[in-house]
Protein backbone atom coordinates (compact mmCIF):
# COMPACT_ATOMS: atom_id res chain seq x y z
CA MET A 1 19.64 -3.24 -14.10
CA ASP A 2 19.53 -6.73 -15.57
CA GLU A 3 17.02 -9.20 -14.19
CA ILE A 4 18.28 -10.57 -10.91
CA LYS A 5 18.25 -14.35 -10.93
CA ILE A 6 17.95 -16.80 -8.04
CA GLY A 7 21.42 -17.72 -6.78
CA ALA A 8 22.95 -14.39 -7.88
CA GLU A 9 25.45 -12.70 -5.57
CA ILE A 10 24.43 -9.09 -4.90
CA VAL A 11 25.31 -6.05 -2.83
CA PHE A 12 22.17 -4.78 -1.13
CA ASN A 13 20.96 -2.18 1.38
CA ILE A 14 18.48 -2.65 4.20
CA THR A 15 15.91 0.16 4.12
CA GLY A 16 13.17 -1.28 6.33
CA SER A 17 13.26 -2.07 10.03
CA HIS A 18 11.50 -5.45 9.68
CA ASN A 19 14.69 -7.39 8.84
CA ILE A 20 15.87 -8.41 12.30
CA GLY A 21 19.63 -8.97 12.51
CA TYR A 22 20.47 -6.44 9.80
CA ALA A 23 21.38 -2.81 10.44
CA LYS A 24 19.26 -0.30 8.55
CA TRP A 25 21.09 1.59 5.76
CA GLU A 26 24.09 -0.77 5.88
CA ARG A 27 25.35 -2.55 2.76
CA TYR A 28 25.61 -6.34 2.69
CA ILE A 29 26.84 -8.95 0.24
CA GLY A 30 24.49 -11.88 -0.08
CA THR A 31 22.77 -14.45 -2.23
CA VAL A 32 19.28 -14.26 -3.75
CA LEU A 33 17.24 -17.18 -2.39
CA SER A 34 13.93 -16.49 -4.17
CA ARG A 35 11.70 -13.75 -5.55
CA ASP A 36 7.98 -13.03 -5.62
CA HIS A 37 5.53 -11.37 -8.01
CA ARG A 38 5.85 -7.98 -6.23
CA SER A 39 9.52 -7.54 -7.24
CA ARG A 40 10.68 -8.50 -3.77
CA LEU A 41 13.79 -10.57 -3.29
CA TYR A 42 14.51 -12.94 -0.43
CA VAL A 43 18.22 -12.81 0.31
CA ARG A 44 20.71 -14.01 2.88
CA ALA A 45 24.09 -12.60 3.81
CA GLU A 46 26.67 -14.92 5.38
CA GLY A 47 25.88 -15.51 9.04
CA MET A 48 22.60 -13.58 8.86
CA PRO A 49 18.93 -14.63 8.71
CA ARG A 50 16.85 -14.37 5.56
CA ALA A 51 15.78 -10.85 4.60
CA CYS A 52 13.09 -9.51 2.27
CA ILE A 53 14.15 -6.53 0.15
CA ASP A 54 12.84 -4.65 -2.86
CA GLU A 55 14.74 -4.83 -6.16
CA ARG A 56 15.50 -1.12 -5.79
CA ASP A 57 17.53 -1.95 -2.63
CA VAL A 58 20.06 -3.87 -4.76
CA ASP A 59 23.19 -1.81 -5.23
CA LYS A 60 24.88 -4.08 -7.78
CA LEU A 61 25.24 -7.61 -9.06
CA ILE A 62 28.52 -9.35 -8.37
CA ASP A 63 29.81 -11.05 -11.48
CA GLU A 64 31.79 -14.19 -10.65
CA ARG A 65 34.17 -13.26 -13.46
CA MET A 66 35.21 -10.05 -11.67
CA ASP A 67 38.84 -9.91 -10.59
CA PHE A 68 39.32 -8.23 -7.21
CA ASP A 69 43.14 -8.45 -7.11
């Protein structure tokens, strides 16, 4: 997968139980807020608190040029 940049819209899974407010194994659409040196991403889905996920938990990048009609 291409490098995930800050501000990117992504579809991600929650695999750990430490992200309070998110259901484990559910898929969410959110925005990448920041990243750290351990390939962890800090993301937020609409109406949810910030979550910490691994890059491998990202299902796909959402390209703003995609047409969903």
